[in-house]
């Protein structure tokens, strides 16, 4: 499976403080493990939002938005709970 990161995801990740950034990176790794290795993603709260867009938790207030196709996992957004509906509304 190919894994890629949208420029906006990387830009937002760079703006987060160190502890939040670390939890996002850990959650990204767990999402990748879930799809590549079938490891159960407990605590991630993975859920489908619409079409091929999915959301995972990287902490109590931090969410990761990603797209999933048969051979590609693309991370799109890292932000708070309110950023996800705003992104969906704009796209």
PDB file of N, CA and C in Angstrom:
ATOM      1  N   UNK A   1       0.841  -1.178   0.000  1.00  0.00           N
ATOM      2  CA  UNK A   1       0.000   0.000   0.000  1.00  0.00           C
ATOM      3  C   UNK A   1       0.886   1.241   0.000  1.00  0.00           C
ATOM      4  N   UNK A   2       0.554   2.183  -0.857  1.00  0.00           N
ATOM      5  CA  UNK A   2       1.281   3.444  -0.920  1.00  0.00           C
ATOM      6  C   UNK A   2       0.729   4.397   0.139  1.00  0.00           C
ATOM      7  N   UNK A   3       1.616   5.076   0.819  1.00  0.00           N
ATOM      8  CA  UNK A   3       1.231   6.068   1.821  1.00  0.00           C
ATOM      9  C   UNK A   3       1.768   7.412   1.366  1.00  0.00           C
ATOM     10  N   UNK A   4       0.901   8.424   1.374  1.00  0.00           N
ATOM     11  CA  UNK A   4       1.342   9.766   0.999  1.00  0.00           C
ATOM     12  C   UNK A   4       0.714  10.787   1.943  1.00  0.00           C
ATOM     13  N   UNK A   5       1.271  11.979   1.904  1.00  0.00           N
ATOM     14  CA  UNK A   5       0.823  13.061   2.779  1.00  0.00           C
ATOM     15  C   UNK A   5       0.553  14.295   1.937  1.00  0.00           C
ATOM     16  N   UNK A   6      -0.629  14.857   2.083  1.00  0.00           N
ATOM     17  CA  UNK A   6      -0.958  16.092   1.378  1.00  0.00           C
ATOM     18  C   UNK A   6      -0.095  17.223   1.932  1.00  0.00           C
ATOM     19  N   UNK A   7       0.290  18.176   1.089  1.00  0.00           N
ATOM     20  CA  UNK A   7       1.081  19.310   1.581  1.00  0.00           C
ATOM     21  C   UNK A   7       0.408  20.028   2.755  1.00  0.00           C
ATOM     22  N   UNK A   8      -0.921  20.138   2.716  1.00  0.00           N
ATOM     23  CA  UNK A   8      -1.641  20.793   3.817  1.00  0.00           C
ATOM     24  C   UNK A   8      -1.480  20.016   5.117  1.00  0.00           C
ATOM     25  N   UNK A   9      -1.475  18.677   5.039  1.00  0.00           N
ATOM     26  CA  UNK A   9      -1.281  17.845   6.227  1.00  0.00           C
ATOM     27  C   UNK A   9       0.087  18.137   6.842  1.00  0.00           C
ATOM     28  N   UNK A  10       1.114  18.161   6.022  1.00  0.00           N
ATOM     29  CA  UNK A  10       2.470  18.410   6.516  1.00  0.00           C
ATOM     30  C   UNK A  10       2.605  19.823   7.078  1.00  0.00           C
ATOM     31  N   UNK A  11       1.960  20.780   6.446  1.00  0.00           N
ATOM     32  CA  UNK A  11       1.997  22.169   6.913  1.00  0.00           C
ATOM     33  C   UNK A  11       1.314  22.289   8.284  1.00  0.00           C
ATOM     34  N   UNK A  12       0.139  21.665   8.414  1.00  0.00           N
ATOM     35  CA  UNK A  12      -0.580  21.706   9.685  1.00  0.00           C
ATOM     36  C   UNK A  12       0.181  20.963  10.777  1.00  0.00           C
ATOM     37  N   UNK A  13       0.795  19.857  10.411  1.00  0.00           N
ATOM     38  CA  UNK A  13       1.572  19.081  11.372  1.00  0.00           C
ATOM     39  C   UNK A  13       2.729  19.920  11.921  1.00  0.00           C
ATOM     40  N   UNK A  14       3.349  20.696  11.075  1.00  0.00           N
ATOM     41  CA  UNK A  14       4.456  21.549  11.499  1.00  0.00           C
ATOM     42  C   UNK A  14       4.050  22.646  12.464  1.00  0.00           C
ATOM     43  N   UNK A  15       2.782  23.027  12.459  1.00  0.00           N
ATOM     44  CA  UNK A  15       2.294  24.095  13.328  1.00  0.00           C
ATOM     45  C   UNK A  15       1.877  23.598  14.713  1.00  0.00           C
ATOM     46  N   UNK A  16       1.763  22.295  14.886  1.00  0.00           N
ATOM     47  CA  UNK A  16       1.319  21.741  16.167  1.00  0.00           C
ATOM     48  C   UNK A  16       2.449  21.757  17.181  1.00  0.00           C
ATOM     49  N   UNK A  17       2.085  21.868  18.487  1.00  0.00           N
ATOM     50  CA  UNK A  17       3.129  21.787  19.500  1.00  0.00           C
ATOM     51  C   UNK A  17       3.621  20.353  19.619  1.00  0.00           C
ATOM     52  N   UNK A  18       4.784  20.204  20.199  1.00  0.00           N
ATOM     53  CA  UNK A  18       5.498  18.918  20.208  1.00  0.00           C
ATOM     54  C   UNK A  18       4.678  17.735  20.725  1.00  0.00           C
ATOM     55  N   UNK A  19       3.974  17.845  21.866  1.00  0.00           N
ATOM     56  CA  UNK A  19       3.225  16.678  22.343  1.00  0.00           C
ATOM     57  C   UNK A  19       2.088  16.265  21.392  1.00  0.00           C
ATOM     58  N   UNK A  20       1.415  17.261  20.822  1.00  0.00           N
ATOM     59  CA  UNK A  20       0.320  16.963  19.883  1.00  0.00           C
ATOM     60  C   UNK A  20       0.885  16.370  18.602  1.00  0.00           C
ATOM     61  N   UNK A  21       1.994  16.928  18.134  1.00  0.00           N
ATOM     62  CA  UNK A  21       2.650  16.410  16.935  1.00  0.00           C
ATOM     63  C   UNK A  21       3.055  14.947  17.139  1.00  0.00           C
ATOM     64  N   UNK A  22       3.570  14.630  18.314  1.00  0.00           N
ATOM     65  CA  UNK A  22       3.964  13.254  18.606  1.00  0.00           C
ATOM     66  C   UNK A  22       2.755  12.316  18.604  1.00  0.00           C
ATOM     67  N   UNK A  23       1.627  12.768  19.144  1.00  0.00           N
ATOM     68  CA  UNK A  23       0.437  11.907  19.153  1.00  0.00           C
ATOM     69  C   UNK A  23      -0.120  11.715  17.746  1.00  0.00           C
ATOM     70  N   UNK A  24      -0.014  12.755  16.891  1.00  0.00           N
ATOM     71  CA  UNK A  24      -0.454  12.622  15.502  1.00  0.00           C
ATOM     72  C   UNK A  24       0.427  11.620  14.766  1.00  0.00           C
ATOM     73  N   UNK A  25       1.736  11.732  14.948  1.00  0.00           N
ATOM     74  CA  UNK A  25       2.656  10.802  14.280  1.00  0.00           C
ATOM     75  C   UNK A  25       2.406   9.364  14.742  1.00  0.00           C
ATOM     76  N   UNK A  26       2.158   9.186  16.025  1.00  0.00           N
ATOM     77  CA  UNK A  26       1.872   7.852  16.546  1.00  0.00           C
ATOM     78  C   UNK A  26       0.572   7.319  15.956  1.00  0.00           C
ATOM     79  N   UNK A  27      -0.453   8.156  15.883  1.00  0.00           N
ATOM     80  CA  UNK A  27      -1.733   7.735  15.324  1.00  0.00           C
ATOM     81  C   UNK A  27      -1.602   7.401  13.841  1.00  0.00           C
ATOM     82  N   UNK A  28      -0.832   8.183  13.115  1.00  0.00           N
ATOM     83  CA  UNK A  28      -0.600   7.896  11.694  1.00  0.00           C
ATOM     84  C   UNK A  28       0.038   6.522  11.543  1.00  0.00           C
ATOM     85  N   UNK A  29       1.029   6.238  12.368  1.00  0.00           N
ATOM     86  CA  UNK A  29       1.669   4.919  12.335  1.00  0.00           C
ATOM     87  C   UNK A  29       0.694   3.795  12.641  1.00  0.00           C
ATOM     88  N   UNK A  30      -0.206   4.029  13.586  1.00  0.00           N
ATOM     89  CA  UNK A  30      -1.190   3.005  13.933  1.00  0.00           C
ATOM     90  C   UNK A  30      -2.214   2.802  12.818  1.00  0.00           C
ATOM     91  N   UNK A  31      -2.585   3.891  12.132  1.00  0.00           N
ATOM     92  CA  UNK A  31      -3.508   3.764  10.994  1.00  0.00           C
ATOM     93  C   UNK A  31      -2.843   2.956   9.880  1.00  0.00           C
ATOM     94  N   UNK A  32      -1.584   3.255   9.602  1.00  0.00           N
ATOM     95  CA  UNK A  32      -0.854   2.518   8.573  1.00  0.00           C
ATOM     96  C   UNK A  32      -0.757   1.040   8.951  1.00  0.00           C
ATOM     97  N   UNK A  33      -0.410   0.754  10.197  1.00  0.00           N
ATOM     98  CA  UNK A  33      -0.344  -0.639  10.667  1.00  0.00           C
ATOM     99  C   UNK A  33      -1.679  -1.344  10.519  1.00  0.00           C
ATOM    100  N   UNK A  34      -2.752  -0.611  10.790  1.00  0.00           N
ATOM    101  CA  UNK A  34      -4.091  -1.185  10.695  1.00  0.00           C
ATOM    102  C   UNK A  34      -4.387  -1.656   9.274  1.00  0.00           C
ATOM    103  N   UNK A  35      -4.066  -0.833   8.292  1.00  0.00           N
ATOM    104  CA  UNK A  35      -4.386  -1.186   6.908  1.00  0.00           C
ATOM    105  C   UNK A  35      -3.360  -2.105   6.262  1.00  0.00           C
ATOM    106  N   UNK A  36      -2.103  -1.990   6.642  1.00  0.00           N
ATOM    107  CA  UNK A  36      -1.084  -2.849   6.038  1.00  0.00           C
ATOM    108  C   UNK A  36      -0.971  -4.197   6.724  1.00  0.00           C
ATOM    109  N   UNK A  37      -1.067  -4.193   8.039  1.00  0.00           N
ATOM    110  CA  UNK A  37      -0.828  -5.430   8.772  1.00  0.00           C
ATOM    111  C   UNK A  37      -2.049  -6.046   9.415  1.00  0.00           C
ATOM    112  N   UNK A  38      -3.165  -5.342   9.382  1.00  0.00           N
ATOM    113  CA  UNK A  38      -4.374  -5.876   9.983  1.00  0.00           C
ATOM    114  C   UNK A  38      -4.385  -5.780  11.505  1.00  0.00           C
ATOM    115  N   UNK A  39      -3.448  -5.013  12.082  1.00  0.00           N
ATOM    116  CA  UNK A  39      -3.424  -4.835  13.531  1.00  0.00           C
ATOM    117  C   UNK A  39      -4.623  -4.013  13.961  1.00  0.00           C
ATOM    118  N   UNK A  40      -5.309  -4.483  14.977  1.00  0.00           N
ATOM    119  CA  UNK A  40      -6.510  -3.810  15.440  1.00  0.00           C
ATOM    120  C   UNK A  40      -6.190  -2.389  15.895  1.00  0.00           C
ATOM    121  N   UNK A  41      -6.984  -1.449  15.452  1.00  0.00           N
ATOM    122  CA  UNK A  41      -6.744  -0.035  15.728  1.00  0.00           C
ATOM    123  C   UNK A  41      -7.584   0.432  16.914  1.00  0.00           C
ATOM    124  N   UNK A  42      -7.388  -0.165  18.079  1.00  0.00           N
ATOM    125  CA  UNK A  42      -8.166   0.227  19.244  1.00  0.00           C
ATOM    126  C   UNK A  42      -7.782   1.631  19.688  1.00  0.00           C
ATOM    127  N   UNK A  43      -8.772   2.396  20.083  1.00  0.00           N
ATOM    128  CA  UNK A  43      -8.541   3.745  20.564  1.00  0.00           C
ATOM    129  C   UNK A  43      -8.405   4.788  19.478  1.00  0.00           C
ATOM    130  N   UNK A  44      -8.302   4.370  18.237  1.00  0.00           N
ATOM    131  CA  UNK A  44      -8.182   5.337  17.148  1.00  0.00           C
ATOM    132  C   UNK A  44      -9.528   5.919  16.739  1.00  0.00           C
ATOM    133  N   UNK A  45     -10.586   5.213  17.011  1.00  0.00           N
ATOM    134  CA  UNK A  45     -11.902   5.711  16.635  1.00  0.00           C
ATOM    135  C   UNK A  45     -12.047   5.883  15.142  1.00  0.00           C
ATOM    136  N   UNK A  46     -11.508   4.965  14.378  1.00  0.00           N
ATOM    137  CA  UNK A  46     -11.571   5.046  12.918  1.00  0.00           C
ATOM    138  C   UNK A  46     -13.029   4.971  12.472  1.00  0.00           C
ATOM    139  N   UNK A  47     -13.429   5.939  11.650  1.00  0.00           N
ATOM    140  CA  UNK A  47     -14.789   5.898  11.108  1.00  0.00           C
ATOM    141  C   UNK A  47     -14.823   6.530   9.726  1.00  0.00           C
ATOM    142  N   UNK A  48     -15.716   6.009   8.914  1.00  0.00           N
ATOM    143  CA  UNK A  48     -15.896   6.530   7.553  1.00  0.00           C
ATOM    144  C   UNK A  48     -16.778   7.779   7.636  1.00  0.00           C
ATOM    145  N   UNK A  49     -16.350   8.832   6.952  1.00  0.00           N
ATOM    146  CA  UNK A  49     -17.121  10.064   6.932  1.00  0.00           C
ATOM    147  C   UNK A  49     -18.012  10.136   5.705  1.00  0.00           C
ATOM    148  N   UNK A  50     -17.419   9.920   4.550  1.00  0.00           N
ATOM    149  CA  UNK A  50     -18.178   9.858   3.292  1.00  0.00           C
ATOM    150  C   UNK A  50     -17.241   9.364   2.205  1.00  0.00           C
ATOM    151  N   UNK A  51     -17.780   8.637   1.254  1.00  0.00           N
ATOM    152  CA  UNK A  51     -16.979   8.122   0.149  1.00  0.00           C
ATOM    153  C   UNK A  51     -15.734   7.420   0.639  1.00  0.00           C
ATOM    154  N   UNK A  52     -14.583   7.899   0.195  1.00  0.00           N
ATOM    155  CA  UNK A  52     -13.328   7.285   0.617  1.00  0.00           C
ATOM    156  C   UNK A  52     -12.607   8.107   1.688  1.00  0.00           C
ATOM    157  N   UNK A  53     -13.326   9.032   2.340  1.00  0.00           N
ATOM    158  CA  UNK A  53     -12.742   9.850   3.410  1.00  0.00           C
ATOM    159  C   UNK A  53     -13.012   9.220   4.770  1.00  0.00           C
ATOM    160  N   UNK A  54     -11.964   9.120   5.557  1.00  0.00           N
ATOM    161  CA  UNK A  54     -12.026   8.507   6.877  1.00  0.00           C
ATOM    162  C   UNK A  54     -11.427   9.450   7.904  1.00  0.00           C
ATOM    163  N   UNK A  55     -11.797   9.215   9.166  1.00  0.00           N
ATOM    164  CA  UNK A  55     -11.286  10.004  10.274  1.00  0.00           C
ATOM    165  C   UNK A  55     -10.743   9.069  11.343  1.00  0.00           C
ATOM    166  N   UNK A  56      -9.670   9.494  12.001  1.00  0.00           N
ATOM    167  CA  UNK A  56      -9.114   8.761  13.136  1.00  0.00           C
ATOM    168  C   UNK A  56      -8.765   9.769  14.228  1.00  0.00           C
ATOM    169  N   UNK A  57      -8.808   9.303  15.467  1.00  0.00           N
ATOM    170  CA  UNK A  57      -8.450  10.164  16.598  1.00  0.00           C
ATOM    171  C   UNK A  57      -6.959  10.049  16.882  1.00  0.00           C
ATOM    172  N   UNK A  58      -6.348  11.187  17.172  1.00  0.00           N
ATOM    173  CA  UNK A  58      -4.945  11.214  17.582  1.00  0.00           C
ATOM    174  C   UNK A  58      -4.842  11.759  19.000  1.00  0.00           C
ATOM    175  N   UNK A  59      -5.930  11.721  19.712  1.00  0.00           N
ATOM    176  CA  UNK A  59      -6.006  12.245  21.066  1.00  0.00           C
ATOM    177  C   UNK A  59      -7.433  12.686  21.326  1.00  0.00           C
ATOM    178  N   UNK A  60      -7.648  13.255  22.479  1.00  0.00           N
ATOM    179  CA  UNK A  60      -9.002  13.648  22.854  1.00  0.00           C
ATOM    180  C   UNK A  60      -9.582  14.705  21.921  1.00  0.00           C
ATOM    181  N   UNK A  61      -8.756  15.665  21.512  1.00  0.00           N
ATOM    182  CA  UNK A  61      -9.260  16.780  20.697  1.00  0.00           C
ATOM    183  C   UNK A  61      -8.657  16.854  19.297  1.00  0.00           C
ATOM    184  N   UNK A  62      -7.813  15.918  18.941  1.00  0.00           N
ATOM    185  CA  UNK A  62      -7.113  15.984  17.654  1.00  0.00           C
ATOM    186  C   UNK A  62      -7.627  14.893  16.726  1.00  0.00           C
ATOM    187  N   UNK A  63      -7.886  15.269  15.478  1.00  0.00           N
ATOM    188  CA  UNK A  63      -8.390  14.334  14.475  1.00  0.00           C
ATOM    189  C   UNK A  63      -7.467  14.321  13.265  1.00  0.00           C
ATOM    190  N   UNK A  64      -7.444  13.170  12.610  1.00  0.00           N
ATOM    191  CA  UNK A  64      -6.700  12.990  11.367  1.00  0.00           C
ATOM    192  C   UNK A  64      -7.710  12.600  10.307  1.00  0.00           C
ATOM    193  N   UNK A  65      -7.666  13.269   9.187  1.00  0.00           N
ATOM    194  CA  UNK A  65      -8.536  12.948   8.058  1.00  0.00           C
ATOM    195  C   UNK A  65      -7.671  12.344   6.969  1.00  0.00           C
ATOM    196  N   UNK A  66      -8.135  11.238   6.402  1.00  0.00           N
ATOM    197  CA  UNK A  66      -7.366  10.586   5.348  1.00  0.00           C
ATOM    198  C   UNK A  66      -8.303   9.957   4.328  1.00  0.00           C
ATOM    199  N   UNK A  67      -7.755   9.724   3.140  1.00  0.00           N
ATOM    200  CA  UNK A  67      -8.512   9.040   2.095  1.00  0.00           C
ATOM    201  C   UNK A  67      -7.914   7.650   1.915  1.00  0.00           C
ATOM    202  N   UNK A  68      -8.772   6.741   1.528  1.00  0.00           N
ATOM    203  CA  UNK A  68      -8.367   5.348   1.398  1.00  0.00           C
ATOM    204  C   UNK A  68      -8.910   4.792   0.095  1.00  0.00           C
ATOM    205  N   UNK A  69      -8.010   4.205  -0.690  1.00  0.00           N
ATOM    206  CA  UNK A  69      -8.415   3.465  -1.882  1.00  0.00           C
ATOM    207  C   UNK A  69      -7.785   2.085  -1.773  1.00  0.00           C
ATOM    208  N   UNK A  70      -7.975   1.267  -2.759  1.00  0.00           N
ATOM    209  CA  UNK A  70      -7.504  -0.112  -2.673  1.00  0.00           C
ATOM    210  C   UNK A  70      -6.001  -0.230  -2.473  1.00  0.00           C
ATOM    211  N   UNK A  71      -5.235   0.706  -3.002  1.00  0.00           N
ATOM    212  CA  UNK A  71      -3.782   0.597  -2.882  1.00  0.00           C
ATOM    213  C   UNK A  71      -3.101   1.867  -2.376  1.00  0.00           C
ATOM    214  N   UNK A  72      -3.895   2.836  -1.865  1.00  0.00           N
ATOM    215  CA  UNK A  72      -3.306   4.107  -1.454  1.00  0.00           C
ATOM    216  C   UNK A  72      -3.974   4.650  -0.201  1.00  0.00           C
ATOM    217  N   UNK A  73      -3.150   5.132   0.704  1.00  0.00           N
ATOM    218  CA  UNK A  73      -3.577   5.780   1.930  1.00  0.00           C
ATOM    219  C   UNK A  73      -2.960   7.172   1.914  1.00  0.00           C
ATOM    220  N   UNK A  74      -3.810   8.210   1.905  1.00  0.00           N
ATOM    221  CA  UNK A  74      -3.312   9.590   1.807  1.00  0.00           C
ATOM    222  C   UNK A  74      -3.837  10.392   2.991  1.00  0.00           C
ATOM    223  N   UNK A  75      -2.926  10.928   3.784  1.00  0.00           N
ATOM    224  CA  UNK A  75      -3.293  11.736   4.933  1.00  0.00           C
ATOM    225  C   UNK A  75      -3.505  13.168   4.479  1.00  0.00           C
ATOM    226  N   UNK A  76      -4.655  13.730   4.842  1.00  0.00           N
ATOM    227  CA  UNK A  76      -5.102  15.008   4.298  1.00  0.00           C
ATOM    228  C   UNK A  76      -5.078  16.142   5.320  1.00  0.00           C
ATOM    229  N   UNK A  77      -5.484  15.848   6.553  1.00  0.00           N
ATOM    230  CA  UNK A  77      -5.683  16.911   7.534  1.00  0.00           C
ATOM    231  C   UNK A  77      -5.330  16.414   8.926  1.00  0.00           C
ATOM    232  N   UNK A  78      -4.709  17.269   9.704  1.00  0.00           N
ATOM    233  CA  UNK A  78      -4.481  17.023  11.128  1.00  0.00           C
ATOM    234  C   UNK A  78      -4.933  18.279  11.849  1.00  0.00           C
ATOM    235  N   UNK A  79      -5.941  18.144  12.690  1.00  0.00           N
ATOM    236  CA  UNK A  79      -6.449  19.325  13.383  1.00  0.00           C
ATOM    237  C   UNK A  79      -7.414  18.953  14.481  1.00  0.00           C
ATOM    238  N   UNK A  80      -8.107  19.950  14.987  1.00  0.00           N
ATOM    239  CA  UNK A  80      -9.043  19.675  16.067  1.00  0.00           C
ATOM    240  C   UNK A  80     -10.373  19.166  15.505  1.00  0.00           C
ATOM    241  N   UNK A  81     -11.254  18.829  16.412  1.00  0.00           N
ATOM    242  CA  UNK A  81     -12.527  18.224  16.025  1.00  0.00           C
ATOM    243  C   UNK A  81     -13.341  19.130  15.108  1.00  0.00           C
ATOM    244  N   UNK A  82     -13.226  20.437  15.264  1.00  0.00           N
ATOM    245  CA  UNK A  82     -13.984  21.383  14.440  1.00  0.00           C
ATOM    246  C   UNK A  82     -13.405  21.545  13.037  1.00  0.00           C
ATOM    247  N   UNK A  83     -12.135  21.232  12.859  1.00  0.00           N
ATOM    248  CA  UNK A  83     -11.509  21.378  11.545  1.00  0.00           C
ATOM    249  C   UNK A  83     -12.051  20.389  10.518  1.00  0.00           C
ATOM    250  N   UNK A  84     -12.452  19.203  10.975  1.00  0.00           N
ATOM    251  CA  UNK A  84     -12.941  18.170  10.054  1.00  0.00           C
ATOM    252  C   UNK A  84     -14.243  18.592   9.377  1.00  0.00           C
ATOM    253  N   UNK A  85     -15.299  19.008  10.136  1.00  0.00           N
ATOM    254  CA  UNK A  85     -16.515  19.457   9.445  1.00  0.00           C
ATOM    255  C   UNK A  85     -16.286  20.656   8.544  1.00  0.00           C
ATOM    256  N   UNK A  86     -15.374  21.543   8.940  1.00  0.00           N
ATOM    257  CA  UNK A  86     -15.057  22.708   8.105  1.00  0.00           C
ATOM    258  C   UNK A  86     -14.433  22.250   6.789  1.00  0.00           C
ATOM    259  N   UNK A  87     -13.521  21.292   6.857  1.00  0.00           N
ATOM    260  CA  UNK A  87     -12.904  20.759   5.656  1.00  0.00           C
ATOM    261  C   UNK A  87     -13.952  20.107   4.757  1.00  0.00           C
ATOM    262  N   UNK A  88     -14.842  19.314   5.346  1.00  0.00           N
ATOM    263  CA  UNK A  88     -15.878  18.641   4.571  1.00  0.00           C
ATOM    264  C   UNK A  88     -16.824  19.639   3.913  1.00  0.00           C
ATOM    265  N   UNK A  89     -17.105  20.712   4.604  1.00  0.00           N
ATOM    266  CA  UNK A  89     -17.988  21.734   4.066  1.00  0.00           C
ATOM    267  C   UNK A  89     -17.355  22.435   2.861  1.00  0.00           C
ATOM    268  N   UNK A  90     -16.041  22.648   2.924  1.00  0.00           N
ATOM    269  CA  UNK A  90     -15.331  23.355   1.856  1.00  0.00           C
ATOM    270  C   UNK A  90     -14.994  22.466   0.673  1.00  0.00           C
ATOM    271  N   UNK A  91     -14.979  21.141   0.878  1.00  0.00           N
ATOM    272  CA  UNK A  91     -14.575  20.241  -0.206  1.00  0.00           C
ATOM    273  C   UNK A  91     -15.676  19.296  -0.585  1.00  0.00           C
TER     274      UNK A  91
END
